[in-house]
Amino acid sequence: MAKKNTPKPAPAPANNPAPKTTTPVEWYPFALAALAFLLYSFGFNNPMVAMDDHTATINNPAVKDFSLFGNFNLGMYAPVTWFFYGIAHKLNGGTDKATLYHVMSALVHAFNVVLVYKLFRKWDAPSLMAALVALIFAVHPLQTEAISWIAGFSTPLFAIFTFLALLHWTDYVKSGTTWSKHYWWALGMFVVACLAKSAAVMLPLTLVVLDIWWKRPVLRHVYEKILFFAVSAGFGALTLVSRVHEGQITQIESIYTPVERFFMASHSILFYWKKFVYPPPLSIWYPFEKAAGGTLATEYFVAPLVLAGIVGLAFWKRHTWPLLWVGILFYLANIVLALPFSTMGTFELRSDRYNYIAMLGIVAVVAYLPFYVKEKWPAFTNVVYGILGIMVVGWTAVTVSRIGDWKDTLTLLNKSMEAYGDNFGKAYYWRGMEIGDRVKSQKDVQRAIDDFTKALEINPELKECYKYRGAFYGFTKQYDKSVADLTEYLKTKPNDAEYRFNRGLSYLNLNRPNEAIADMDQTLKDKPDFYQAYLTRSNAYGMLGDSVRAQADLRKYEAGMKSGK
């Protein structure tokens, strides 16, 4: 980011006029964007996976009905993301074909590669350094989850508007004019980013980091960030409301104490940095494991000391190598709200996709190394470039392999389970759903039941397992077990008409017509056009010898089916 290969930054980005002609190096970002798109084209034939893809898209009312602003989904309020999902959904004809979603993610990521290059150039980085940053950002394996996972599309999407906000903010600072148009463009892009994903609320902290880098007095310029922090607080509150609405304030909270969470957060930062250098094995979850005595492993207690040492060294060297200090601050500003200080979701406590923007702080330090070495030890410059080249090739190879892991849910889950365990039982739950969706034999049904059983043994809070296991028990004519499981599930979701109907069927098969009638009554109350319930209730009345009600319900069923509902 130092224009003349010096580690000392300017007090603010230089206000140099743009060149009138395009130099060859200005084609770098477009070549790198094409590389990123080509790289992720290897996954265009990957299907939707069981982990939230369908819930986020084809089963999302905001997407299906293109009703963007009045819904929550998966504990999120993300109308901008749903807008793009909605377009893909319409073009797909409402099917779950995944190719268009993957193309859309690859295009967004490719556009972000261009924006990253332009952003670093605007921050006065040499063109070669900006290209290195964009290249690593484009191909690094930690990016794969955000791009290959359809339900993770909100991450690269909100990044677009975050980068645009940063570009306008840089122009605002360069202009030296208070409340210039670039200020309002930056604020507007920030709002759109928050409407794509609430993780965008970290932007104001990044603006503070830029003030530190550019040596702008932070307190003197705090007034210009008040609106940004206000937007951040507003969307943060909305996220909390959406999580509560979706029941995603999870029971994992009770497992860890606040003190343990401090050690977990410190460990997570070092864990991510290690993954940046050497990514394998990658997983869709990285759980925190306690030792046999119920305490965290020793490495967790050492982590704060190691982290403090690294941050302290960067602070000590901030005048001679400011980019190290700024890069770490940039990383921390963009990862802090994703650290496991609390759990407000139903997935994992740390994940690759949380690094999508944050990693730029570390990438910048790595990309600057050849320039630093050239200044200090010029004879080793080519050696550093060679090492970086080998690392980039290695990262790219890992990314290609990782994209292949997303070829189906079972591959993805089995590899993650092999590397990092069962993720508090959720892996067995997801695998049971995937096996259940593709039942080809009685053996598959039993495999699904076994996985749901294992999930509940590990984590009894996974109530959804009762729903699916209960349905499979009904399928295998184990009606007593079906009723027991569905009863347990309906305690948490009493208005789930489909599974109350399923329980009613099991009651009917157990020759318990009164309970079946009660379930059909409630099913029709919750969903009046559930006409199959009239047929089941007709059969139950028939068992009781009430032919009048049986015939009345049969007519309602036939009329409903004739209407095509």
Protein backbone atom coordinates (compact mmCIF):
# COMPACT_ATOMS: atom_id res chain seq x y z
CA MET A 1 0.00 0.00 0.00
CA ALA A 2 3.08 2.26 0.03
CA LYS A 3 3.45 3.69 -3.41
CA LYS A 4 7.25 3.94 -3.44
CA ASN A 5 8.05 0.62 -1.83
CA THR A 6 8.41 2.21 1.59
CA PRO A 7 6.65 0.91 4.67
CA LYS A 8 5.64 4.43 5.73
CA PRO A 9 2.11 5.28 4.59
CA ALA A 10 0.93 8.73 3.63
CA PRO A 11 -1.16 10.54 6.24
CA ALA A 12 -4.06 10.05 3.86
CA PRO A 13 -4.38 8.50 0.41
CA ALA A 14 -2.82 10.72 -2.21
CA ASN A 15 -5.19 12.84 -4.28
CA ASN A 16 -3.59 12.08 -7.63
CA PRO A 17 -5.55 12.48 -10.86
CA ALA A 18 -6.48 9.28 -12.65
CA PRO A 19 -4.34 8.48 -15.71
CA LYS A 20 -5.93 9.51 -18.99
CA THR A 21 -4.97 6.32 -20.73
CA THR A 22 -5.27 2.75 -19.56
CA THR A 23 -1.91 1.12 -18.98
CA PRO A 24 -1.44 -2.63 -19.53
CA VAL A 25 -1.33 -3.32 -15.81
CA GLU A 26 -4.86 -2.00 -15.43
CA TRP A 27 -6.01 -5.18 -17.18
CA TYR A 28 -4.77 -7.18 -14.20
CA PRO A 29 -8.07 -7.13 -12.29
CA PHE A 30 -10.11 -8.35 -15.25
CA ALA A 31 -7.71 -11.20 -15.95
CA LEU A 32 -7.82 -12.16 -12.26
CA ALA A 33 -11.62 -11.93 -12.24
CA ALA A 34 -11.74 -14.26 -15.25
CA LEU A 35 -9.43 -16.66 -13.39
CA ALA A 36 -11.71 -16.60 -10.34
CA PHE A 37 -14.80 -17.28 -12.47
CA LEU A 38 -13.05 -20.11 -14.33
CA LEU A 39 -11.89 -21.62 -11.05
CA TYR A 40 -15.39 -21.78 -9.61
CA SER A 41 -16.88 -23.00 -12.86
CA PHE A 42 -15.66 -26.44 -11.74
CA GLY A 43 -18.59 -26.41 -9.32
CA PHE A 44 -21.36 -25.28 -11.66
CA ASN A 45 -22.82 -28.80 -11.80
CA ASN A 46 -22.84 -29.22 -8.03
CA PRO A 47 -26.39 -29.70 -6.66
CA MET A 48 -28.00 -27.95 -3.72
CA VAL A 49 -26.87 -29.43 -0.41
CA ALA A 50 -29.01 -30.30 2.60
CA MET A 51 -27.50 -27.59 4.80
CA ASP A 52 -29.93 -24.70 4.28
CA ASP A 53 -29.73 -24.42 0.47
CA HIS A 54 -33.38 -25.26 -0.10
CA THR A 55 -34.53 -23.31 2.95
CA ALA A 56 -32.67 -20.23 1.75
CA THR A 57 -34.01 -20.41 -1.81
CA ILE A 58 -36.89 -22.50 -3.13
CA ASN A 59 -38.52 -22.93 0.29
CA ASN A 60 -38.05 -19.30 1.29
CA PRO A 61 -41.39 -17.40 1.03
CA ALA A 62 -39.54 -14.15 0.30
CA VAL A 63 -37.91 -15.83 -2.71
CA LYS A 64 -40.88 -17.86 -3.95
CA ASP A 65 -43.36 -14.98 -3.75
CA PHE A 66 -40.80 -12.22 -4.41
CA SER A 67 -42.04 -10.62 -1.19
CA LEU A 68 -38.72 -9.24 -0.04
CA PHE A 69 -39.31 -6.92 2.89
CA GLY A 70 -41.74 -8.57 5.29
CA ASN A 71 -40.03 -11.83 6.19
CA PHE A 72 -37.26 -13.43 8.17
CA ASN A 73 -35.51 -16.54 6.94
CA LEU A 74 -32.87 -18.63 8.69
CA GLY A 75 -32.67 -15.95 11.34
CA MET A 76 -31.75 -13.33 8.74
CA TYR A 77 -33.32 -10.23 7.24
CA ALA A 78 -31.63 -10.01 3.85
CA PRO A 79 -33.95 -8.61 1.16
CA VAL A 80 -31.10 -7.74 -1.19
CA THR A 81 -29.86 -11.34 -1.11
CA TRP A 82 -33.42 -12.61 -1.56
CA PHE A 83 -33.81 -10.33 -4.58
CA PHE A 84 -30.99 -12.12 -6.37
CA TYR A 85 -32.23 -15.51 -5.20
CA GLY A 86 -35.66 -14.54 -6.51
CA ILE A 87 -34.32 -13.78 -9.97
CA ALA A 88 -32.54 -17.15 -10.10
CA HIS A 89 -35.69 -18.86 -8.80
CA LYS A 90 -37.83 -17.33 -11.55
CA LEU A 91 -35.33 -18.16 -14.27
CA ASN A 92 -35.14 -21.71 -12.91
CA GLY A 93 -38.88 -22.12 -13.10
CA GLY A 94 -39.04 -22.73 -9.36
CA THR A 95 -36.92 -25.90 -9.52
CA ASP A 96 -33.98 -26.73 -7.29
CA LYS A 97 -31.51 -26.83 -10.17
CA ALA A 98 -28.39 -25.27 -8.72
CA THR A 99 -26.31 -24.19 -11.74
CA LEU A 100 -27.69 -20.67 -12.02
CA TYR A 101 -27.11 -20.01 -8.33
CA HIS A 102 -23.49 -21.18 -8.67
CA VAL A 103 -22.93 -19.00 -11.74
CA MET A 104 -24.35 -16.04 -9.85
CA SER A 105 -21.99 -16.63 -6.90
CA ALA A 106 -18.98 -16.98 -9.20
CA LEU A 107 -19.85 -13.74 -11.00
CA VAL A 108 -20.20 -11.85 -7.72
CA HIS A 109 -16.88 -13.21 -6.49
CA ALA A 110 -15.21 -12.25 -9.78
CA PHE A 111 -16.62 -8.72 -9.45
CA ASN A 112 -15.25 -8.57 -5.90
CA VAL A 113 -11.80 -9.47 -7.24
CA VAL A 114 -11.94 -6.39 -9.46
CA LEU A 115 -13.12 -4.22 -6.57
CA VAL A 116 -10.34 -5.49 -4.29
CA TYR A 117 -7.74 -4.60 -6.89
CA LYS A 118 -9.20 -1.14 -7.42
CA LEU A 119 -9.49 -0.57 -3.69
CA PHE A 120 -5.83 -1.33 -3.06
CA ARG A 121 -4.80 0.82 -6.00
CA LYS A 122 -6.86 3.65 -4.56
CA TRP A 123 -5.00 3.05 -1.30
CA ASP A 124 -1.80 3.72 -3.27
CA ALA A 125 -0.59 0.13 -3.45
CA PRO A 126 1.74 -0.62 -6.39
CA SER A 127 -0.10 -2.33 -9.22
CA LEU A 128 1.81 -5.59 -8.70
CA MET A 129 0.99 -5.64 -5.00
CA ALA A 130 -2.70 -4.92 -5.71
CA ALA A 131 -2.67 -7.76 -8.21
CA LEU A 132 -1.14 -10.14 -5.66
CA VAL A 133 -3.81 -9.20 -3.12
CA ALA A 134 -6.58 -9.73 -5.67
CA LEU A 135 -5.04 -13.01 -6.84
CA ILE A 136 -4.84 -14.50 -3.34
CA PHE A 137 -8.34 -13.22 -2.56
CA ALA A 138 -9.58 -14.86 -5.76
CA VAL A 139 -8.14 -18.36 -5.29
CA HIS A 140 -7.66 -18.95 -1.57
CA PRO A 141 -9.44 -22.07 -0.23
CA LEU A 142 -11.00 -20.22 2.72
CA GLN A 143 -13.20 -18.43 0.17
CA THR A 144 -14.68 -21.65 -1.18
CA GLU A 145 -17.47 -22.07 1.35
CA ALA A 146 -18.88 -18.59 0.72
CA ILE A 147 -18.98 -19.18 -3.04
CA SER A 148 -19.75 -22.89 -3.40
CA TRP A 149 -22.44 -22.92 -0.72
CA ILE A 150 -25.62 -21.49 -2.22
CA ALA A 151 -26.94 -20.54 1.23
CA GLY A 152 -23.67 -18.64 1.77
CA PHE A 153 -24.24 -16.34 -1.22
CA SER A 154 -25.04 -13.43 1.09
CA THR A 155 -21.36 -13.22 2.06
CA PRO A 156 -19.83 -12.36 -1.34
CA LEU A 157 -22.91 -10.26 -2.10
CA PHE A 158 -22.65 -8.02 0.97
CA ALA A 159 -18.91 -7.76 0.26
CA ILE A 160 -19.64 -6.04 -3.07
CA PHE A 161 -21.43 -3.18 -1.34
CA THR A 162 -18.89 -3.07 1.47
CA PHE A 163 -16.07 -2.65 -1.06
CA LEU A 164 -18.05 0.01 -2.92
CA ALA A 165 -18.61 1.81 0.37
CA LEU A 166 -14.87 1.71 1.07
CA LEU A 167 -14.06 3.04 -2.40
CA HIS A 168 -16.41 5.98 -1.90
CA TRP A 169 -15.12 6.55 1.63
CA THR A 170 -11.58 6.74 0.31
CA ASP A 171 -12.69 9.31 -2.28
CA TYR A 172 -14.46 11.22 0.48
CA VAL A 173 -11.29 11.40 2.56
CA LYS A 174 -9.24 12.38 -0.50
CA SER A 175 -11.63 15.15 -1.39
CA GLY A 176 -11.12 16.88 1.95
CA THR A 177 -14.70 18.15 1.71
CA THR A 178 -17.04 17.46 4.61
CA TRP A 179 -20.26 15.66 3.67
CA SER A 180 -19.31 15.42 0.00
CA LYS A 181 -21.32 13.19 -2.34
CA HIS A 182 -18.87 10.35 -1.78
CA TYR A 183 -19.78 10.36 1.92
CA TRP A 184 -23.43 9.78 1.12
CA TRP A 185 -22.61 7.17 -1.50
CA ALA A 186 -20.50 5.33 1.09
CA LEU A 187 -23.35 5.48 3.60
CA GLY A 188 -25.85 4.30 1.00
CA MET A 189 -23.69 1.35 -0.04
CA PHE A 190 -23.28 0.45 3.63
CA VAL A 191 -27.05 0.32 4.10
CA VAL A 192 -27.42 -1.91 1.03
CA ALA A 193 -24.64 -4.16 2.35
CA CYS A 194 -26.50 -4.55 5.64
CA LEU A 195 -29.66 -5.43 3.71
CA ALA A 196 -27.68 -8.20 2.01
CA LYS A 197 -26.24 -9.60 5.25
CA SER A 198 -26.08 -8.26 8.78
CA ALA A 199 -22.34 -9.08 8.97
CA ALA A 200 -21.82 -5.82 7.09
CA VAL A 201 -22.31 -3.93 10.37
CA MET A 202 -18.55 -4.25 10.97
CA LEU A 203 -17.77 -1.57 8.36
CA PRO A 204 -17.58 1.38 10.84
CA LEU A 205 -14.75 -0.38 12.66
CA THR A 206 -12.90 -0.67 9.36
CA LEU A 207 -13.29 3.09 8.86
CA VAL A 208 -11.63 3.64 12.22
CA VAL A 209 -8.76 1.36 11.16
CA LEU A 210 -8.34 3.44 8.00
CA ASP A 211 -8.13 6.59 10.14
CA ILE A 212 -5.34 4.96 12.15
CA TRP A 213 -3.51 3.98 8.96
CA TRP A 214 -3.90 7.39 7.36
CA LYS A 215 -2.98 9.11 10.65
CA ARG A 216 -6.23 11.00 10.81
CA PRO A 217 -7.09 11.95 14.41
CA VAL A 218 -9.71 9.35 15.30
CA LEU A 219 -11.56 11.41 17.90
CA ARG A 220 -11.58 14.52 15.74
CA HIS A 221 -13.29 12.59 12.95
CA VAL A 222 -15.69 10.56 15.05
CA TYR A 223 -18.62 12.82 14.11
CA GLU A 224 -18.48 11.69 10.48
CA LYS A 225 -18.97 8.07 11.52
CA ILE A 226 -21.95 8.62 13.82
CA LEU A 227 -24.43 7.78 11.06
CA PHE A 228 -22.47 4.65 10.18
CA PHE A 229 -22.47 3.45 13.77
CA ALA A 230 -26.18 4.28 14.05
CA VAL A 231 -26.94 2.14 10.99
CA SER A 232 -24.75 -0.60 12.42
CA ALA A 233 -26.59 -0.54 15.75
CA GLY A 234 -29.97 -0.57 14.02
CA PHE A 235 -29.20 -3.58 11.87
CA GLY A 236 -27.56 -5.31 14.84
CA ALA A 237 -30.80 -4.94 16.80
CA LEU A 238 -32.79 -6.19 13.80
CA THR A 239 -30.54 -9.24 13.60
CA LEU A 240 -31.19 -10.04 17.25
CA VAL A 241 -34.94 -9.75 16.64
CA SER A 242 -34.73 -12.03 13.59
CA ARG A 243 -32.71 -14.63 15.50
CA VAL A 244 -35.22 -14.66 18.35
CA HIS A 245 -38.10 -14.84 15.88
CA GLU A 246 -36.56 -17.90 14.23
CA GLY A 247 -35.72 -19.56 17.56
CA GLN A 248 -31.99 -19.37 16.88
CA ILE A 249 -30.75 -18.33 20.29
CA THR A 250 -29.35 -21.78 20.81
CA GLN A 251 -28.76 -23.96 23.80
CA ILE A 252 -25.03 -24.02 23.06
CA GLU A 253 -24.87 -20.86 25.17
CA SER A 254 -25.07 -22.95 28.34
CA ILE A 255 -22.10 -25.15 27.40
CA TYR A 256 -19.42 -22.47 27.67
CA THR A 257 -18.77 -19.86 30.33
CA PRO A 258 -17.91 -16.23 29.42
CA VAL A 259 -14.31 -16.88 30.47
CA GLU A 260 -14.11 -19.94 28.23
CA ARG A 261 -15.50 -17.89 25.38
CA PHE A 262 -12.64 -15.42 25.73
CA PHE A 263 -10.14 -18.24 25.25
CA MET A 264 -12.23 -19.66 22.38
CA ALA A 265 -12.24 -16.31 20.60
CA SER A 266 -8.48 -15.92 20.94
CA HIS A 267 -7.96 -19.48 19.74
CA SER A 268 -10.25 -18.90 16.75
CA ILE A 269 -8.17 -15.99 15.45
CA LEU A 270 -4.98 -18.07 15.53
CA PHE A 271 -6.90 -21.02 14.10
CA TYR A 272 -7.98 -18.93 11.11
CA TRP A 273 -4.47 -17.59 10.56
CA LYS A 274 -3.12 -21.11 10.58
CA LYS A 275 -5.82 -22.12 8.08
CA PHE A 276 -4.82 -19.20 5.91
CA VAL A 277 -1.26 -20.50 5.61
CA TYR A 278 -2.09 -24.21 5.46
CA PRO A 279 -5.84 -24.77 4.88
CA PRO A 280 -6.29 -28.61 4.90
CA PRO A 281 -8.36 -30.21 6.18
CA LEU A 282 -11.31 -27.92 5.49
CA SER A 283 -14.74 -28.44 6.96
CA ILE A 284 -18.15 -26.79 7.14
CA TRP A 285 -17.75 -26.71 10.92
CA TYR A 286 -14.89 -26.37 13.38
CA PRO A 287 -16.29 -27.26 16.81
CA PHE A 288 -14.68 -26.47 20.13
CA GLU A 289 -13.74 -29.62 21.99
CA LYS A 290 -13.46 -29.90 25.74
CA ALA A 291 -11.02 -32.33 27.33
CA ALA A 292 -12.14 -35.34 29.35
CA GLY A 293 -12.20 -33.24 32.52
CA GLY A 294 -14.70 -30.82 31.01
CA THR A 295 -12.19 -28.04 30.39
CA LEU A 296 -10.82 -26.63 27.17
CA ALA A 297 -7.55 -28.03 25.85
CA THR A 298 -4.26 -26.38 26.85
CA GLU A 299 -3.87 -24.71 23.45
CA TYR A 300 -6.92 -22.56 24.19
CA PHE A 301 -5.32 -21.14 27.34
CA VAL A 302 -2.06 -20.45 25.51
CA ALA A 303 -3.82 -18.74 22.59
CA PRO A 304 -4.35 -15.30 24.26
CA LEU A 305 -0.65 -15.10 25.13
CA VAL A 306 0.42 -15.96 21.57
CA LEU A 307 -2.11 -13.54 20.11
CA ALA A 308 -1.05 -10.78 22.49
CA GLY A 309 2.57 -11.38 21.50
CA ILE A 310 1.80 -11.06 17.79
CA VAL A 311 -0.36 -7.96 18.24
CA GLY A 312 2.23 -6.45 20.58
CA LEU A 313 5.00 -7.02 18.05
CA ALA A 314 2.90 -5.42 15.32
CA PHE A 315 2.22 -2.41 17.56
CA TRP A 316 5.92 -2.11 18.40
CA LYS A 317 6.81 -2.18 14.70
CA ARG A 318 3.96 0.11 13.62
CA HIS A 319 6.31 2.92 12.62
CA THR A 320 8.83 0.81 10.70
CA TRP A 321 6.28 -1.64 9.25
CA PRO A 322 2.87 0.01 9.58
CA LEU A 323 1.19 -2.41 7.20
CA LEU A 324 1.63 -5.29 9.66
CA TRP A 325 -0.14 -3.29 12.37
CA VAL A 326 -2.87 -2.03 10.07
CA GLY A 327 -3.36 -5.43 8.46
CA ILE A 328 -3.96 -7.09 11.83
CA LEU A 329 -6.34 -4.31 12.87
CA PHE A 330 -8.21 -4.65 9.57
CA TYR A 331 -8.55 -8.39 10.12
CA LEU A 332 -9.77 -8.02 13.70
CA ALA A 333 -12.25 -5.28 12.78
CA ASN A 334 -13.87 -7.54 10.20
CA ILE A 335 -13.88 -10.77 12.22
CA VAL A 336 -14.66 -9.58 15.76
CA LEU A 337 -18.45 -9.95 15.57
CA ALA A 338 -18.07 -13.45 14.09
CA LEU A 339 -15.95 -14.65 17.02
CA PRO A 340 -17.62 -17.05 19.49
CA PHE A 341 -18.38 -14.55 22.25
CA SER A 342 -21.98 -15.71 21.89
CA THR A 343 -23.96 -18.14 19.77
CA MET A 344 -26.88 -16.76 17.81
CA GLY A 345 -27.59 -19.34 15.15
CA THR A 346 -28.15 -22.97 14.39
CA PHE A 347 -24.93 -23.69 12.54
CA GLU A 348 -21.38 -23.60 13.87
CA LEU A 349 -19.34 -21.29 16.04
CA ARG A 350 -16.60 -20.59 13.49
CA SER A 351 -16.49 -20.98 9.76
CA ASP A 352 -14.36 -20.34 6.68
CA ARG A 353 -16.77 -17.79 5.23
CA TYR A 354 -16.25 -15.40 8.14
CA ASN A 355 -12.82 -14.66 6.63
CA TYR A 356 -14.11 -13.52 3.23
CA ILE A 357 -13.39 -9.81 3.79
CA ALA A 358 -11.30 -10.06 6.95
CA MET A 359 -8.55 -12.05 5.25
CA LEU A 360 -7.62 -8.99 3.19
CA GLY A 361 -5.77 -7.66 6.24
CA ILE A 362 -3.50 -10.71 6.25
CA VAL A 363 -3.33 -10.95 2.46
CA ALA A 364 -2.07 -7.36 2.31
CA VAL A 365 0.79 -8.18 4.66
CA VAL A 366 1.73 -11.27 2.63
CA ALA A 367 1.53 -9.39 -0.68
CA TYR A 368 3.77 -6.64 0.66
CA LEU A 369 6.53 -9.05 1.68
CA PRO A 370 8.36 -8.98 -1.71
CA PHE A 371 8.49 -5.18 -1.60
CA TYR A 372 9.73 -5.18 1.98
CA VAL A 373 12.41 -7.77 1.19
CA LYS A 374 13.41 -5.88 -1.97
CA GLU A 375 14.09 -2.82 0.16
CA LYS A 376 15.91 -4.64 2.97
CA TRP A 377 17.52 -7.64 1.27
CA PRO A 378 17.17 -7.20 -2.53
CA ALA A 379 19.07 -10.39 -3.31
CA PHE A 380 16.22 -12.46 -1.85
CA THR A 381 13.37 -10.75 -3.69
CA ASN A 382 12.99 -13.46 -6.33
CA VAL A 383 13.11 -16.12 -3.64
CA VAL A 384 10.13 -14.51 -1.90
CA TYR A 385 8.24 -14.26 -5.20
CA GLY A 386 8.99 -17.92 -5.82
CA ILE A 387 7.69 -18.96 -2.41
CA LEU A 388 4.55 -16.89 -2.92
CA GLY A 389 4.08 -18.44 -6.34
CA ILE A 390 4.30 -21.95 -4.91
CA MET A 391 1.84 -21.03 -2.16
CA VAL A 392 -0.66 -19.59 -4.64
CA VAL A 393 -0.45 -22.71 -6.81
CA GLY A 394 -0.92 -24.88 -3.73
CA TRP A 395 -3.88 -22.82 -2.51
CA THR A 396 -5.48 -23.02 -5.93
CA ALA A 397 -5.11 -26.80 -6.02
CA VAL A 398 -6.73 -27.07 -2.58
CA THR A 399 -9.57 -24.83 -3.76
CA VAL A 400 -10.23 -27.06 -6.78
CA SER A 401 -10.36 -30.07 -4.49
CA ARG A 402 -12.60 -28.25 -2.02
CA ILE A 403 -15.04 -27.24 -4.75
CA GLY A 404 -15.28 -30.94 -5.53
CA ASP A 405 -16.26 -31.65 -1.92
CA TRP A 406 -19.49 -29.74 -2.57
CA LYS A 407 -20.53 -32.19 -5.30
CA ASP A 408 -23.07 -33.73 -2.93
CA THR A 409 -24.15 -33.50 0.69
CA LEU A 410 -22.85 -36.90 1.74
CA THR A 411 -19.33 -36.19 0.46
CA LEU A 412 -19.29 -32.84 2.21
CA LEU A 413 -20.60 -34.23 5.47
CA ASN A 414 -18.48 -37.36 5.53
CA LYS A 415 -15.27 -35.40 4.94
CA SER A 416 -16.16 -32.91 7.65
CA MET A 417 -17.08 -35.67 10.10
CA GLU A 418 -13.81 -37.45 9.37
CA ALA A 419 -11.82 -34.28 10.02
CA TYR A 420 -13.71 -32.56 12.85
CA GLY A 421 -16.31 -34.87 14.38
CA ASP A 422 -20.09 -34.60 14.39
CA ASN A 423 -20.61 -30.89 15.23
CA PHE A 424 -22.77 -31.47 18.32
CA GLY A 425 -24.81 -34.12 16.52
CA LYS A 426 -25.84 -31.87 13.65
CA ALA A 427 -23.78 -33.83 11.14
CA TYR A 428 -25.82 -36.96 11.81
CA TYR A 429 -29.02 -34.91 11.52
CA TRP A 430 -28.00 -33.46 8.14
CA ARG A 431 -26.78 -36.81 6.87
CA GLY A 432 -30.02 -38.48 7.94
CA MET A 433 -32.00 -35.89 5.98
CA GLU A 434 -29.83 -36.37 2.91
CA ILE A 435 -30.12 -40.16 3.01
CA GLY A 436 -33.85 -39.82 3.61
CA ASP A 437 -34.29 -37.57 0.60
CA ARG A 438 -32.70 -40.21 -1.62
CA VAL A 439 -34.23 -43.40 -0.25
CA LYS A 440 -33.76 -46.29 -2.65
CA SER A 441 -34.20 -49.25 -0.32
CA GLN A 442 -35.27 -50.30 3.15
CA LYS A 443 -31.60 -50.23 4.09
CA ASP A 444 -31.46 -46.50 3.30
CA VAL A 445 -34.47 -45.87 5.53
CA GLN A 446 -32.77 -47.65 8.42
CA ARG A 447 -29.54 -45.70 7.83
CA ALA A 448 -31.50 -42.46 8.07
CA ILE A 449 -33.25 -43.61 11.26
CA ASP A 450 -29.90 -44.61 12.76
CA ASP A 451 -28.41 -41.20 11.99
CA PHE A 452 -31.34 -39.33 13.56
CA THR A 453 -31.09 -41.57 16.62
CA LYS A 454 -27.35 -40.88 16.93
CA ALA A 455 -27.96 -37.14 16.56
CA LEU A 456 -30.49 -37.16 19.41
CA GLU A 457 -28.18 -39.18 21.63
CA ILE A 458 -25.49 -36.53 21.20
CA ASN A 459 -27.74 -33.47 21.25
CA PRO A 460 -31.33 -33.90 22.51
CA GLU A 461 -32.08 -30.31 21.48
CA LEU A 462 -32.16 -31.30 17.81
CA LYS A 463 -35.95 -31.62 17.89
CA GLU A 464 -36.21 -31.70 14.10
CA CYS A 465 -34.81 -35.24 14.26
CA TYR A 466 -38.05 -36.39 15.89
CA LYS A 467 -39.97 -35.05 12.90
CA TYR A 468 -38.00 -36.95 10.29
CA ARG A 469 -37.45 -40.09 12.33
CA GLY A 470 -41.13 -40.16 13.16
CA ALA A 471 -42.00 -39.95 9.48
CA PHE A 472 -39.65 -42.81 8.66
CA TYR A 473 -41.07 -44.90 11.48
CA GLY A 474 -44.46 -44.41 9.88
CA PHE A 475 -43.03 -45.37 6.50
CA THR A 476 -41.70 -48.62 7.98
CA LYS A 477 -45.03 -49.29 9.78
CA GLN A 478 -43.55 -48.78 13.25
CA TYR A 479 -46.58 -46.70 14.15
CA ASP A 480 -46.11 -46.60 17.93
CA LYS A 481 -42.62 -45.15 17.51
CA SER A 482 -43.91 -42.77 14.85
CA VAL A 483 -46.56 -41.38 17.19
CA ALA A 484 -44.04 -41.00 20.02
CA ASP A 485 -41.53 -39.09 17.86
CA LEU A 486 -44.08 -36.85 16.17
CA THR A 487 -45.66 -36.04 19.52
CA GLU A 488 -42.26 -34.92 20.80
CA TYR A 489 -41.70 -32.80 17.70
CA LEU A 490 -45.16 -31.18 17.81
CA LYS A 491 -44.42 -29.90 21.30
CA THR A 492 -42.02 -27.46 19.64
CA LYS A 493 -43.95 -26.86 16.39
CA PRO A 494 -47.64 -27.43 17.21
CA ASN A 495 -48.85 -25.76 13.99
CA ASP A 496 -46.89 -27.91 11.58
CA ALA A 497 -49.89 -29.19 9.63
CA GLU A 498 -47.98 -31.73 7.53
CA TYR A 499 -46.49 -33.60 10.46
CA ARG A 500 -49.63 -33.43 12.57
CA PHE A 501 -51.31 -35.06 9.58
CA ASN A 502 -48.57 -37.72 9.59
CA ARG A 503 -49.19 -38.43 13.24
CA GLY A 504 -52.90 -38.73 12.51
CA LEU A 505 -52.14 -41.35 9.86
CA SER A 506 -50.14 -43.34 12.39
CA TYR A 507 -53.01 -43.10 14.88
CA LEU A 508 -55.35 -44.38 12.18
CA ASN A 509 -53.05 -47.32 11.45
CA LEU A 510 -52.99 -48.09 15.17
CA ASN A 511 -56.80 -48.28 15.08
CA ARG A 512 -57.12 -45.16 17.24
CA PRO A 513 -59.66 -43.20 15.20
CA ASN A 514 -60.52 -40.59 17.84
CA GLU A 515 -56.91 -39.41 18.08
CA ALA A 516 -56.69 -39.46 14.27
CA ILE A 517 -59.82 -37.28 14.01
CA ALA A 518 -58.42 -34.82 16.54
CA ASP A 519 -55.20 -34.49 14.51
CA MET A 520 -57.11 -34.02 11.25
CA ASP A 521 -59.28 -31.34 12.89
CA GLN A 522 -56.18 -29.42 13.93
CA THR A 523 -54.51 -29.97 10.55
CA LEU A 524 -57.49 -28.45 8.74
CA LYS A 525 -57.61 -25.59 11.21
CA ASP A 526 -53.97 -24.76 10.54
CA LYS A 527 -54.20 -25.43 6.80
CA PRO A 528 -57.78 -25.46 5.45
CA ASP A 529 -56.76 -26.57 1.96
CA PHE A 530 -55.01 -29.72 3.23
CA TYR A 531 -57.64 -31.90 1.55
CA GLN A 532 -55.87 -35.18 2.25
CA ALA A 533 -56.91 -34.63 5.87
CA TYR A 534 -60.59 -34.92 4.86
CA LEU A 535 -59.92 -38.37 3.36
CA THR A 536 -58.08 -39.56 6.48
CA ARG A 537 -60.80 -38.17 8.75
CA SER A 538 -63.43 -39.86 6.55
CA ASN A 539 -61.68 -43.19 7.11
CA ALA A 540 -61.54 -42.54 10.86
CA TYR A 541 -65.27 -41.77 10.98
CA GLY A 542 -65.83 -44.96 9.01
CA MET A 543 -63.99 -46.93 11.71
CA LEU A 544 -66.37 -45.44 14.27
CA GLY A 545 -69.40 -46.34 12.17
CA ASP A 546 -70.32 -42.67 11.53
CA SER A 547 -71.15 -42.99 7.83
CA VAL A 548 -72.79 -39.55 7.61
CA ARG A 549 -69.63 -37.69 8.62
CA ALA A 550 -67.49 -40.11 6.66
CA GLN A 551 -69.42 -39.39 3.46
CA ALA A 552 -69.42 -35.63 4.11
CA ASP A 553 -65.65 -35.61 4.50
CA LEU A 554 -65.20 -37.80 1.44
CA ARG A 555 -67.18 -35.28 -0.64
CA LYS A 556 -65.03 -32.42 0.66
CA TYR A 557 -61.91 -34.36 -0.25
CA GLU A 558 -63.17 -35.10 -3.77
CA ALA A 559 -64.26 -31.49 -4.30
CA GLY A 560 -60.90 -30.20 -3.15
CA MET A 561 -58.95 -32.57 -5.35
CA LYS A 562 -61.19 -31.73 -8.30
CA SER A 563 -60.44 -28.04 -7.80
CA GLY A 564 -56.77 -28.86 -8.21
CA LYS A 565 -55.72 -27.64 -4.76
